[in-house]
Amino acid sequence: MPGRRVALLVVIGANLLWAGSYVAGKAALDHVPFATLNALRFLIAAAVLSPVLWRHRDLLPRRRRDVLALLAIAGFGFCGNKALEFLGLSMTTATDTALLITSESLVTLLLAVLVLGERLRRRTALAVGIGAAGVYVIVEHGLTAPHLPTGGEALGDALVVASLVLESCATIAGASLMARSRAPITLTAAAIVVSLAVWVPAGAGVAIHSGPPRLDAAGWAGVLYLAVVTTVIAYGGWYWGLQRLSAQDVTPILLVQPLAGTAIAAIVRGERPGSSTIVGGILVLAGVALVALRRQAPGVEAAAVASLAPEAP
């Protein structure tokens, strides 16, 4: 199987794992605030990855721009994004959060063109457009005029969208850094450890104010899923894939999350998807297929990855 196809499958797999994070996060947020949840999540993830980080510490970035890119991954991706995402998730539904992931696809595509200087391919733009249309059909339950939710749900949705903008910034920083590195797991582990500078004090502050966290079995299952599955496994696979794909390649694949997240919510909550969900899901899959099935000439793959790295100063 060509290297590009393998990388696409890994990135798709990472998004499928992330799709379950909204239901898992909602289960944990029923018992603890978002700061405590993220403190527990990243402490566990750091403990799992610390042996890898110590063994391969010689692969950590040394150059200034690489260190800044690593800090951007930690700050935008593991701190700012997770703060806004799970604060928003505590105010809105898991289904809304999963479906709003389309915002990340659009922002990542824009940043890939503006920041990384990637050439906007018509096929990629078409894929994102089709996928975004599918998500719109799901969110609005058909081809109806858009409407805004009211009250706390509206603020929660807005926070989720804002979090996805920060995640897009982390994706662009990661694409730039991974193009110059061959240690995605080590760099992911380092970014997670750096994020503890924010989450440990935040979690400790909540514990001092409200007491230690009290979670039932479902809550701990949610925390462990977020820590091991979505953080260690999914993020490791995501940045491994970014070494081999361009940011425009992975952008439409982000649209797998709303489709899979909706399916997981249906299974866990016993909801039956309506016709608009089915039609929208087909459009999302069509958008992903446009990118995943694109043929690429020999040698182009390496050039696409190399193009992610900005010129040396």
C-alpha atoms as a PDB file:
ATOM      1  CA  MET A   1       0.000   0.000   0.000  1.00  0.00           C
ATOM      2  CA  PRO A   2       1.494   3.387  -0.969  1.00  0.00           C
ATOM      3  CA  GLY A   3       2.851   5.508   1.884  1.00  0.00           C
ATOM      4  CA  ARG A   4       0.317   8.243   1.251  1.00  0.00           C
ATOM      5  CA  ARG A   5      -2.602   5.834   1.545  1.00  0.00           C
ATOM      6  CA  VAL A   6      -1.243   4.479   4.846  1.00  0.00           C
ATOM      7  CA  ALA A   7      -0.853   8.014   6.199  1.00  0.00           C
ATOM      8  CA  LEU A   8      -4.412   8.853   5.132  1.00  0.00           C
ATOM      9  CA  LEU A   9      -5.752   5.776   6.932  1.00  0.00           C
ATOM     10  CA  VAL A  10      -3.848   6.710  10.098  1.00  0.00           C
ATOM     11  CA  VAL A  11      -5.188  10.283   9.987  1.00  0.00           C
ATOM     12  CA  ILE A  12      -8.731   9.024   9.362  1.00  0.00           C
ATOM     13  CA  GLY A  13      -8.322   6.618  12.290  1.00  0.00           C
ATOM     14  CA  ALA A  14      -7.190   9.471  14.545  1.00  0.00           C
ATOM     15  CA  ASN A  15     -10.304  11.446  13.636  1.00  0.00           C
ATOM     16  CA  LEU A  16     -12.535   8.450  14.347  1.00  0.00           C
ATOM     17  CA  LEU A  17     -10.965   8.169  17.809  1.00  0.00           C
ATOM     18  CA  TRP A  18     -11.419  11.903  18.383  1.00  0.00           C
ATOM     19  CA  ALA A  19     -15.081  11.580  17.453  1.00  0.00           C
ATOM     20  CA  GLY A  20     -15.664   9.657  20.670  1.00  0.00           C
ATOM     21  CA  SER A  21     -14.076  12.367  22.809  1.00  0.00           C
ATOM     22  CA  TYR A  22     -17.235  14.468  22.952  1.00  0.00           C
ATOM     23  CA  VAL A  23     -19.360  11.747  24.519  1.00  0.00           C
ATOM     24  CA  ALA A  24     -16.452  10.751  26.800  1.00  0.00           C
ATOM     25  CA  GLY A  25     -15.873  14.359  27.793  1.00  0.00           C
ATOM     26  CA  LYS A  26     -19.550  14.913  28.504  1.00  0.00           C
ATOM     27  CA  ALA A  27     -19.547  11.884  30.836  1.00  0.00           C
ATOM     28  CA  ALA A  28     -16.629  13.307  32.814  1.00  0.00           C
ATOM     29  CA  LEU A  29     -17.960  16.878  32.830  1.00  0.00           C
ATOM     30  CA  ASP A  30     -21.085  15.637  34.599  1.00  0.00           C
ATOM     31  CA  HIS A  31     -18.874  15.277  37.698  1.00  0.00           C
ATOM     32  CA  VAL A  32     -15.906  17.662  37.419  1.00  0.00           C
ATOM     33  CA  PRO A  33     -15.215  21.097  35.863  1.00  0.00           C
ATOM     34  CA  PHE A  34     -13.230  21.349  32.639  1.00  0.00           C
ATOM     35  CA  ALA A  35     -10.005  22.421  34.404  1.00  0.00           C
ATOM     36  CA  THR A  36      -9.995  19.293  36.568  1.00  0.00           C
ATOM     37  CA  LEU A  37     -10.823  17.105  33.590  1.00  0.00           C
ATOM     38  CA  ASN A  38      -7.939  18.449  31.529  1.00  0.00           C
ATOM     39  CA  ALA A  39      -5.517  18.280  34.458  1.00  0.00           C
ATOM     40  CA  LEU A  40      -6.313  14.585  34.960  1.00  0.00           C
ATOM     41  CA  ARG A  41      -6.262  13.919  31.216  1.00  0.00           C
ATOM     42  CA  PHE A  42      -2.844  15.418  30.548  1.00  0.00           C
ATOM     43  CA  LEU A  43      -1.270  14.098  33.755  1.00  0.00           C
ATOM     44  CA  ILE A  44      -2.212  10.560  32.728  1.00  0.00           C
ATOM     45  CA  ALA A  45      -1.107  11.122  29.124  1.00  0.00           C
ATOM     46  CA  ALA A  46       2.223  12.567  30.301  1.00  0.00           C
ATOM     47  CA  ALA A  47       2.778   9.551  32.577  1.00  0.00           C
ATOM     48  CA  VAL A  48       2.142   7.167  29.671  1.00  0.00           C
ATOM     49  CA  LEU A  49       4.453   9.042  27.290  1.00  0.00           C
ATOM     50  CA  SER A  50       7.216  10.015  29.741  1.00  0.00           C
ATOM     51  CA  PRO A  51       9.347   6.882  29.044  1.00  0.00           C
ATOM     52  CA  VAL A  52       9.282   7.690  25.316  1.00  0.00           C
ATOM     53  CA  LEU A  53      10.135  11.322  25.973  1.00  0.00           C
ATOM     54  CA  TRP A  54      13.075  10.418  28.235  1.00  0.00           C
ATOM     55  CA  ARG A  55      14.465   7.781  25.884  1.00  0.00           C
ATOM     56  CA  HIS A  56      14.353  10.074  22.849  1.00  0.00           C
ATOM     57  CA  ARG A  57      15.096  13.385  24.581  1.00  0.00           C
ATOM     58  CA  ASP A  58      17.980  13.938  22.161  1.00  0.00           C
ATOM     59  CA  LEU A  59      15.361  14.403  19.403  1.00  0.00           C
ATOM     60  CA  LEU A  60      13.738  17.385  21.099  1.00  0.00           C
ATOM     61  CA  PRO A  61      13.908  20.626  19.086  1.00  0.00           C
ATOM     62  CA  ARG A  62      16.884  22.918  19.653  1.00  0.00           C
ATOM     63  CA  ARG A  63      16.471  25.629  17.067  1.00  0.00           C
ATOM     64  CA  ARG A  64      14.446  28.679  18.050  1.00  0.00           C
ATOM     65  CA  ARG A  65      11.751  28.319  15.386  1.00  0.00           C
ATOM     66  CA  ASP A  66      11.265  24.642  16.252  1.00  0.00           C
ATOM     67  CA  VAL A  67      10.939  25.433  19.961  1.00  0.00           C
ATOM     68  CA  LEU A  68       8.394  28.137  19.129  1.00  0.00           C
ATOM     69  CA  ALA A  69       6.427  25.675  16.977  1.00  0.00           C
ATOM     70  CA  LEU A  70       6.406  23.172  19.863  1.00  0.00           C
ATOM     71  CA  LEU A  71       5.179  25.877  22.249  1.00  0.00           C
ATOM     72  CA  ALA A  72       2.464  26.773  19.724  1.00  0.00           C
ATOM     73  CA  ILE A  73       1.287  23.145  19.649  1.00  0.00           C
ATOM     74  CA  ALA A  74       1.164  23.073  23.452  1.00  0.00           C
ATOM     75  CA  GLY A  75      -0.340  26.535  23.872  1.00  0.00           C
ATOM     76  CA  PHE A  76      -2.875  26.547  21.041  1.00  0.00           C
ATOM     77  CA  GLY A  77      -3.629  22.811  20.869  1.00  0.00           C
ATOM     78  CA  PHE A  78      -3.371  21.420  24.392  1.00  0.00           C
ATOM     79  CA  CYS A  79      -4.132  24.509  26.487  1.00  0.00           C
ATOM     80  CA  GLY A  80      -6.216  27.143  24.713  1.00  0.00           C
ATOM     81  CA  ASN A  81      -8.133  24.710  22.535  1.00  0.00           C
ATOM     82  CA  LYS A  82      -8.955  22.284  25.337  1.00  0.00           C
ATOM     83  CA  ALA A  83      -9.962  25.071  27.727  1.00  0.00           C
ATOM     84  CA  LEU A  84     -12.474  26.574  25.314  1.00  0.00           C
ATOM     85  CA  GLU A  85     -13.603  23.231  23.873  1.00  0.00           C
ATOM     86  CA  PHE A  86     -14.501  21.589  27.168  1.00  0.00           C
ATOM     87  CA  LEU A  87     -15.895  24.762  28.688  1.00  0.00           C
ATOM     88  CA  GLY A  88     -18.118  24.990  25.617  1.00  0.00           C
ATOM     89  CA  LEU A  89     -18.938  21.279  25.792  1.00  0.00           C
ATOM     90  CA  SER A  90     -20.119  21.738  29.385  1.00  0.00           C
ATOM     91  CA  MET A  91     -22.640  24.304  28.105  1.00  0.00           C
ATOM     92  CA  THR A  92     -23.827  22.619  24.900  1.00  0.00           C
ATOM     93  CA  THR A  93     -24.431  19.086  23.627  1.00  0.00           C
ATOM     94  CA  ALA A  94     -21.950  16.422  22.531  1.00  0.00           C
ATOM     95  CA  THR A  95     -23.707  16.247  19.160  1.00  0.00           C
ATOM     96  CA  ASP A  96     -23.364  20.001  18.538  1.00  0.00           C
ATOM     97  CA  THR A  97     -19.698  19.880  19.477  1.00  0.00           C
ATOM     98  CA  ALA A  98     -19.010  16.974  17.139  1.00  0.00           C
ATOM     99  CA  LEU A  99     -20.787  18.644  14.241  1.00  0.00           C
ATOM    100  CA  LEU A 100     -19.096  22.011  14.711  1.00  0.00           C
ATOM    101  CA  ILE A 101     -15.734  20.401  13.909  1.00  0.00           C
ATOM    102  CA  THR A 102     -16.285  21.534  10.314  1.00  0.00           C
ATOM    103  CA  SER A 103     -15.111  24.991  11.409  1.00  0.00           C
ATOM    104  CA  GLU A 104     -11.649  23.565  12.013  1.00  0.00           C
ATOM    105  CA  SER A 105     -11.480  22.197   8.478  1.00  0.00           C
ATOM    106  CA  LEU A 106     -12.261  25.562   6.932  1.00  0.00           C
ATOM    107  CA  VAL A 107      -9.837  27.519   9.133  1.00  0.00           C
ATOM    108  CA  THR A 108      -7.035  24.969   8.653  1.00  0.00           C
ATOM    109  CA  LEU A 109      -7.461  25.172   4.897  1.00  0.00           C
ATOM    110  CA  LEU A 110      -7.291  28.979   5.000  1.00  0.00           C
ATOM    111  CA  LEU A 111      -4.192  28.989   7.229  1.00  0.00           C
ATOM    112  CA  ALA A 112      -2.463  26.398   5.032  1.00  0.00           C
ATOM    113  CA  VAL A 113      -2.780  28.801   2.117  1.00  0.00           C
ATOM    114  CA  LEU A 114      -2.021  32.042   3.992  1.00  0.00           C
ATOM    115  CA  VAL A 115       0.674  30.869   6.431  1.00  0.00           C
ATOM    116  CA  LEU A 116       2.350  27.861   4.816  1.00  0.00           C
ATOM    117  CA  GLY A 117       2.036  29.225   1.300  1.00  0.00           C
ATOM    118  CA  GLU A 118       0.355  26.081  -0.001  1.00  0.00           C
ATOM    119  CA  ARG A 119      -1.330  26.385  -3.378  1.00  0.00           C
ATOM    120  CA  LEU A 120      -5.084  25.971  -3.052  1.00  0.00           C
ATOM    121  CA  ARG A 121      -6.063  22.949  -5.087  1.00  0.00           C
ATOM    122  CA  ARG A 122      -9.497  22.963  -6.675  1.00  0.00           C
ATOM    123  CA  ARG A 123     -10.096  19.374  -5.618  1.00  0.00           C
ATOM    124  CA  THR A 124      -9.341  20.215  -1.972  1.00  0.00           C
ATOM    125  CA  ALA A 125     -11.560  23.307  -1.984  1.00  0.00           C
ATOM    126  CA  LEU A 126     -14.360  21.273  -3.575  1.00  0.00           C
ATOM    127  CA  ALA A 127     -13.906  18.487  -1.006  1.00  0.00           C
ATOM    128  CA  VAL A 128     -14.149  20.895   1.929  1.00  0.00           C
ATOM    129  CA  GLY A 129     -17.143  22.620   0.362  1.00  0.00           C
ATOM    130  CA  ILE A 130     -19.025  19.351  -0.131  1.00  0.00           C
ATOM    131  CA  GLY A 131     -18.142  18.144   3.354  1.00  0.00           C
ATOM    132  CA  ALA A 132     -19.122  21.446   4.965  1.00  0.00           C
ATOM    133  CA  ALA A 133     -22.428  21.350   3.097  1.00  0.00           C
ATOM    134  CA  GLY A 134     -23.024  17.897   4.525  1.00  0.00           C
ATOM    135  CA  VAL A 135     -22.381  19.107   8.063  1.00  0.00           C
ATOM    136  CA  TYR A 136     -24.716  22.073   7.480  1.00  0.00           C
ATOM    137  CA  VAL A 137     -27.484  19.700   6.402  1.00  0.00           C
ATOM    138  CA  ILE A 138     -26.941  17.678   9.589  1.00  0.00           C
ATOM    139  CA  VAL A 139     -26.858  20.705  11.894  1.00  0.00           C
ATOM    140  CA  GLU A 140     -29.857  22.465  10.340  1.00  0.00           C
ATOM    141  CA  HIS A 141     -31.810  19.225   9.720  1.00  0.00           C
ATOM    142  CA  GLY A 142     -32.029  19.902   5.994  1.00  0.00           C
ATOM    143  CA  LEU A 143     -31.548  22.734   3.513  1.00  0.00           C
ATOM    144  CA  THR A 144     -33.177  25.373   5.682  1.00  0.00           C
ATOM    145  CA  ALA A 145     -32.196  28.925   6.583  1.00  0.00           C
ATOM    146  CA  PRO A 146     -29.535  29.025   9.319  1.00  0.00           C
ATOM    147  CA  HIS A 147     -30.634  29.879  12.830  1.00  0.00           C
ATOM    148  CA  LEU A 148     -28.723  30.525  16.022  1.00  0.00           C
ATOM    149  CA  PRO A 149     -29.403  28.664  19.276  1.00  0.00           C
ATOM    150  CA  THR A 150     -30.314  30.775  22.271  1.00  0.00           C
ATOM    151  CA  GLY A 151     -29.037  31.012  25.852  1.00  0.00           C
ATOM    152  CA  GLY A 152     -26.122  29.034  27.236  1.00  0.00           C
ATOM    153  CA  GLU A 153     -26.126  26.641  24.298  1.00  0.00           C
ATOM    154  CA  ALA A 154     -25.316  29.500  21.914  1.00  0.00           C
ATOM    155  CA  LEU A 155     -22.354  30.585  24.053  1.00  0.00           C
ATOM    156  CA  GLY A 156     -21.196  26.985  24.326  1.00  0.00           C
ATOM    157  CA  ASP A 157     -21.294  26.555  20.552  1.00  0.00           C
ATOM    158  CA  ALA A 158     -19.385  29.826  20.095  1.00  0.00           C
ATOM    159  CA  LEU A 159     -16.686  28.671  22.517  1.00  0.00           C
ATOM    160  CA  VAL A 160     -16.356  25.384  20.638  1.00  0.00           C
ATOM    161  CA  VAL A 161     -15.892  27.218  17.328  1.00  0.00           C
ATOM    162  CA  ALA A 162     -13.282  29.488  18.945  1.00  0.00           C
ATOM    163  CA  SER A 163     -11.472  26.425  20.268  1.00  0.00           C
ATOM    164  CA  LEU A 164     -11.332  24.963  16.768  1.00  0.00           C
ATOM    165  CA  VAL A 165      -9.635  28.116  15.470  1.00  0.00           C
ATOM    166  CA  LEU A 166      -6.880  27.566  18.051  1.00  0.00           C
ATOM    167  CA  GLU A 167      -6.667  23.886  17.093  1.00  0.00           C
ATOM    168  CA  SER A 168      -6.201  24.925  13.472  1.00  0.00           C
ATOM    169  CA  CYS A 169      -3.271  27.119  14.530  1.00  0.00           C
ATOM    170  CA  ALA A 170      -1.775  24.106  16.329  1.00  0.00           C
ATOM    171  CA  THR A 171      -2.240  21.964  13.201  1.00  0.00           C
ATOM    172  CA  ILE A 172      -0.387  24.504  11.058  1.00  0.00           C
ATOM    173  CA  ALA A 173       2.418  24.776  13.627  1.00  0.00           C
ATOM    174  CA  GLY A 174       2.559  20.975  13.795  1.00  0.00           C
ATOM    175  CA  ALA A 175       2.717  20.624  10.014  1.00  0.00           C
ATOM    176  CA  SER A 176       5.652  23.027   9.881  1.00  0.00           C
ATOM    177  CA  LEU A 177       7.502  21.328  12.744  1.00  0.00           C
ATOM    178  CA  MET A 178       6.852  17.734  11.652  1.00  0.00           C
ATOM    179  CA  ALA A 179       8.211  18.516   8.194  1.00  0.00           C
ATOM    180  CA  ARG A 180      11.572  19.207   9.859  1.00  0.00           C
ATOM    181  CA  SER A 181      11.448  16.372  12.399  1.00  0.00           C
ATOM    182  CA  ARG A 182      11.160  12.598  12.425  1.00  0.00           C
ATOM    183  CA  ALA A 183       9.940  12.165  15.997  1.00  0.00           C
ATOM    184  CA  PRO A 184       6.171  12.821  16.089  1.00  0.00           C
ATOM    185  CA  ILE A 185       5.527  10.800  19.264  1.00  0.00           C
ATOM    186  CA  THR A 186       8.392  12.475  21.123  1.00  0.00           C
ATOM    187  CA  LEU A 187       7.239  15.939  20.088  1.00  0.00           C
ATOM    188  CA  THR A 188       3.644  15.125  21.036  1.00  0.00           C
ATOM    189  CA  ALA A 189       4.849  13.955  24.454  1.00  0.00           C
ATOM    190  CA  ALA A 190       6.902  17.127  24.914  1.00  0.00           C
ATOM    191  CA  ALA A 191       3.932  19.350  24.040  1.00  0.00           C
ATOM    192  CA  ILE A 192       1.747  17.473  26.523  1.00  0.00           C
ATOM    193  CA  VAL A 193       4.320  17.884  29.299  1.00  0.00           C
ATOM    194  CA  VAL A 194       4.595  21.610  28.527  1.00  0.00           C
ATOM    195  CA  SER A 195       0.798  21.929  28.800  1.00  0.00           C
ATOM    196  CA  LEU A 196       0.984  20.712  32.406  1.00  0.00           C
ATOM    197  CA  ALA A 197       2.409  24.119  33.319  1.00  0.00           C
ATOM    198  CA  VAL A 198      -1.150  25.372  32.781  1.00  0.00           C
ATOM    199  CA  TRP A 199      -3.315  22.407  33.736  1.00  0.00           C
ATOM    200  CA  VAL A 200      -1.669  21.322  36.999  1.00  0.00           C
ATOM    201  CA  PRO A 201      -2.063  24.751  38.663  1.00  0.00           C
ATOM    202  CA  ALA A 202      -5.591  25.062  37.234  1.00  0.00           C
ATOM    203  CA  GLY A 203      -6.596  21.628  38.513  1.00  0.00           C
ATOM    204  CA  ALA A 204      -4.968  22.259  41.875  1.00  0.00           C
ATOM    205  CA  GLY A 205      -6.825  25.559  42.209  1.00  0.00           C
ATOM    206  CA  VAL A 206     -10.153  23.864  41.588  1.00  0.00           C
ATOM    207  CA  ALA A 207      -9.307  21.093  44.080  1.00  0.00           C
ATOM    208  CA  ILE A 208      -8.407  23.641  46.754  1.00  0.00           C
ATOM    209  CA  HIS A 209     -11.637  25.545  46.157  1.00  0.00           C
ATOM    210  CA  SER A 210     -14.073  22.659  45.643  1.00  0.00           C
ATOM    211  CA  GLY A 211     -12.322  19.590  47.007  1.00  0.00           C
ATOM    212  CA  PRO A 212     -10.789  16.584  45.220  1.00  0.00           C
ATOM    213  CA  PRO A 213     -12.522  15.250  42.077  1.00  0.00           C
ATOM    214  CA  ARG A 214     -15.285  12.695  42.584  1.00  0.00           C
ATOM    215  CA  LEU A 215     -15.897  10.547  39.527  1.00  0.00           C
ATOM    216  CA  ASP A 216     -17.992   7.435  39.040  1.00  0.00           C
ATOM    217  CA  ALA A 217     -16.988   4.579  36.718  1.00  0.00           C
ATOM    218  CA  ALA A 218     -18.381   6.341  33.629  1.00  0.00           C
ATOM    219  CA  GLY A 219     -16.535   9.533  34.532  1.00  0.00           C
ATOM    220  CA  TRP A 220     -13.193   7.742  34.955  1.00  0.00           C
ATOM    221  CA  ALA A 221     -13.794   5.849  31.717  1.00  0.00           C
ATOM    222  CA  GLY A 222     -14.263   9.201  30.000  1.00  0.00           C
ATOM    223  CA  VAL A 223     -11.046  10.588  31.496  1.00  0.00           C
ATOM    224  CA  LEU A 224      -9.040   7.503  30.506  1.00  0.00           C
ATOM    225  CA  TYR A 225     -10.442   7.558  26.979  1.00  0.00           C
ATOM    226  CA  LEU A 226      -9.454  11.208  26.612  1.00  0.00           C
ATOM    227  CA  ALA A 227      -5.994  10.633  28.097  1.00  0.00           C
ATOM    228  CA  VAL A 228      -4.902   7.401  26.419  1.00  0.00           C
ATOM    229  CA  VAL A 229      -7.000   7.065  23.273  1.00  0.00           C
ATOM    230  CA  THR A 230      -7.550  10.621  22.047  1.00  0.00           C
ATOM    231  CA  THR A 231      -4.352  12.195  23.417  1.00  0.00           C
ATOM    232  CA  VAL A 232      -1.637   9.536  23.267  1.00  0.00           C
ATOM    233  CA  ILE A 233      -2.826   7.406  20.341  1.00  0.00           C
ATOM    234  CA  ALA A 234      -4.822   9.849  18.206  1.00  0.00           C
ATOM    235  CA  TYR A 235      -2.495  12.842  18.496  1.00  0.00           C
ATOM    236  CA  GLY A 236       0.544  10.615  17.917  1.00  0.00           C
ATOM    237  CA  GLY A 237      -1.042   9.235  14.747  1.00  0.00           C
ATOM    238  CA  TRP A 238      -2.169  12.700  13.646  1.00  0.00           C
ATOM    239  CA  TYR A 239       1.312  14.224  13.789  1.00  0.00           C
ATOM    240  CA  TRP A 240       2.824  11.087  12.231  1.00  0.00           C
ATOM    241  CA  GLY A 241       0.456  11.600   9.328  1.00  0.00           C
ATOM    242  CA  LEU A 242       1.375  15.281   9.047  1.00  0.00           C
ATOM    243  CA  GLN A 243       4.943  14.205   8.268  1.00  0.00           C
ATOM    244  CA  ARG A 244       3.698  12.492   5.120  1.00  0.00           C
ATOM    245  CA  LEU A 245       0.780  14.659   4.018  1.00  0.00           C
ATOM    246  CA  SER A 246       0.157  18.317   3.338  1.00  0.00           C
ATOM    247  CA  ALA A 247      -2.180  20.352   5.498  1.00  0.00           C
ATOM    248  CA  GLN A 248      -4.639  20.481   2.570  1.00  0.00           C
ATOM    249  CA  ASP A 249      -4.622  16.677   2.436  1.00  0.00           C
ATOM    250  CA  VAL A 250      -5.697  16.333   6.050  1.00  0.00           C
ATOM    251  CA  THR A 251      -8.141  19.271   6.144  1.00  0.00           C
ATOM    252  CA  PRO A 252     -11.157  17.528   4.530  1.00  0.00           C
ATOM    253  CA  ILE A 253     -10.488  14.401   6.610  1.00  0.00           C
ATOM    254  CA  LEU A 254     -11.296  16.441   9.721  1.00  0.00           C
ATOM    255  CA  LEU A 255     -14.889  16.239   8.497  1.00  0.00           C
ATOM    256  CA  VAL A 256     -14.939  12.555   9.490  1.00  0.00           C
ATOM    257  CA  GLN A 257     -15.317  13.702  13.097  1.00  0.00           C
ATOM    258  CA  PRO A 258     -18.818  15.201  12.876  1.00  0.00           C
ATOM    259  CA  LEU A 259     -20.112  12.175  11.005  1.00  0.00           C
ATOM    260  CA  ALA A 260     -18.593   9.660  13.401  1.00  0.00           C
ATOM    261  CA  GLY A 261     -19.441  11.800  16.428  1.00  0.00           C
ATOM    262  CA  THR A 262     -23.083  11.898  15.399  1.00  0.00           C
ATOM    263  CA  ALA A 263     -23.083   8.112  14.963  1.00  0.00           C
ATOM    264  CA  ILE A 264     -21.514   7.587  18.395  1.00  0.00           C
ATOM    265  CA  ALA A 265     -24.070   9.897  19.997  1.00  0.00           C
ATOM    266  CA  ALA A 266     -26.824   7.918  18.275  1.00  0.00           C
ATOM    267  CA  ILE A 267     -25.457   4.616  19.573  1.00  0.00           C
ATOM    268  CA  VAL A 268     -24.752   5.802  23.123  1.00  0.00           C
ATOM    269  CA  ARG A 269     -27.955   7.803  23.487  1.00  0.00           C
ATOM    270  CA  GLY A 270     -30.208   5.571  21.420  1.00  0.00           C
ATOM    271  CA  GLU A 271     -31.016   8.334  18.935  1.00  0.00           C
ATOM    272  CA  ARG A 272     -32.089   7.435  15.402  1.00  0.00           C
ATOM    273  CA  PRO A 273     -30.534   9.590  12.681  1.00  0.00           C
ATOM    274  CA  GLY A 274     -33.067  11.224  10.405  1.00  0.00           C
ATOM    275  CA  SER A 275     -32.954  11.557   6.633  1.00  0.00           C
ATOM    276  CA  SER A 276     -31.038  14.862   6.844  1.00  0.00           C
ATOM    277  CA  THR A 277     -28.333  13.190   8.942  1.00  0.00           C
ATOM    278  CA  ILE A 278     -28.008  10.376   6.426  1.00  0.00           C
ATOM    279  CA  VAL A 279     -27.839  12.750   3.438  1.00  0.00           C
ATOM    280  CA  GLY A 280     -25.354  14.998   5.244  1.00  0.00           C
ATOM    281  CA  GLY A 281     -23.230  12.000   6.201  1.00  0.00           C
ATOM    282  CA  ILE A 282     -23.045  10.898   2.569  1.00  0.00           C
ATOM    283  CA  LEU A 283     -21.834  14.376   1.582  1.00  0.00           C
ATOM    284  CA  VAL A 284     -19.150  14.311   4.299  1.00  0.00           C
ATOM    285  CA  LEU A 285     -17.901  10.932   3.092  1.00  0.00           C
ATOM    286  CA  ALA A 286     -17.870  12.223  -0.481  1.00  0.00           C
ATOM    287  CA  GLY A 287     -15.675  15.129   0.557  1.00  0.00           C
ATOM    288  CA  VAL A 288     -13.226  12.815   2.309  1.00  0.00           C
ATOM    289  CA  ALA A 289     -13.183  10.446  -0.684  1.00  0.00           C
ATOM    290  CA  LEU A 290     -12.221  13.276  -3.047  1.00  0.00           C
ATOM    291  CA  VAL A 291      -8.966  13.686  -1.145  1.00  0.00           C
ATOM    292  CA  ALA A 292      -8.333  10.103  -0.077  1.00  0.00           C
ATOM    293  CA  LEU A 293      -8.679   8.705  -3.611  1.00  0.00           C
ATOM    294  CA  ARG A 294      -6.585  11.363  -5.334  1.00  0.00           C
ATOM    295  CA  ARG A 295      -3.785   9.762  -7.312  1.00  0.00           C
ATOM    296  CA  GLN A 296      -0.327  11.214  -6.934  1.00  0.00           C
ATOM    297  CA  ALA A 297       2.681  10.770  -9.184  1.00  0.00           C
ATOM    298  CA  PRO A 298       5.895   9.260  -7.765  1.00  0.00           C
ATOM    299  CA  GLY A 299       8.058  11.861  -6.097  1.00  0.00           C
ATOM    300  CA  VAL A 300       5.212  14.337  -5.633  1.00  0.00           C
ATOM    301  CA  GLU A 301       4.468  13.081  -2.122  1.00  0.00           C
ATOM    302  CA  ALA A 302       7.932  13.995  -0.857  1.00  0.00           C
ATOM    303  CA  ALA A 303       7.730  17.384  -2.529  1.00  0.00           C
ATOM    304  CA  ALA A 304       4.355  18.096  -0.922  1.00  0.00           C
ATOM    305  CA  VAL A 305       5.717  17.345   2.545  1.00  0.00           C
ATOM    306  CA  ALA A 306       8.897  19.329   1.931  1.00  0.00           C
ATOM    307  CA  SER A 307       6.817  22.336   0.847  1.00  0.00           C
ATOM    308  CA  LEU A 308       5.384  22.593   4.360  1.00  0.00           C
ATOM    309  CA  ALA A 309       8.714  23.753   5.763  1.00  0.00           C
ATOM    310  CA  PRO A 310       9.290  27.489   5.443  1.00  0.00           C
ATOM    311  CA  GLU A 311      12.576  28.699   4.033  1.00  0.00           C
ATOM    312  CA  ALA A 312      15.440  29.007   6.491  1.00  0.00           C
ATOM    313  CA  PRO A 313      16.169  32.599   7.581  1.00  0.00           C
END
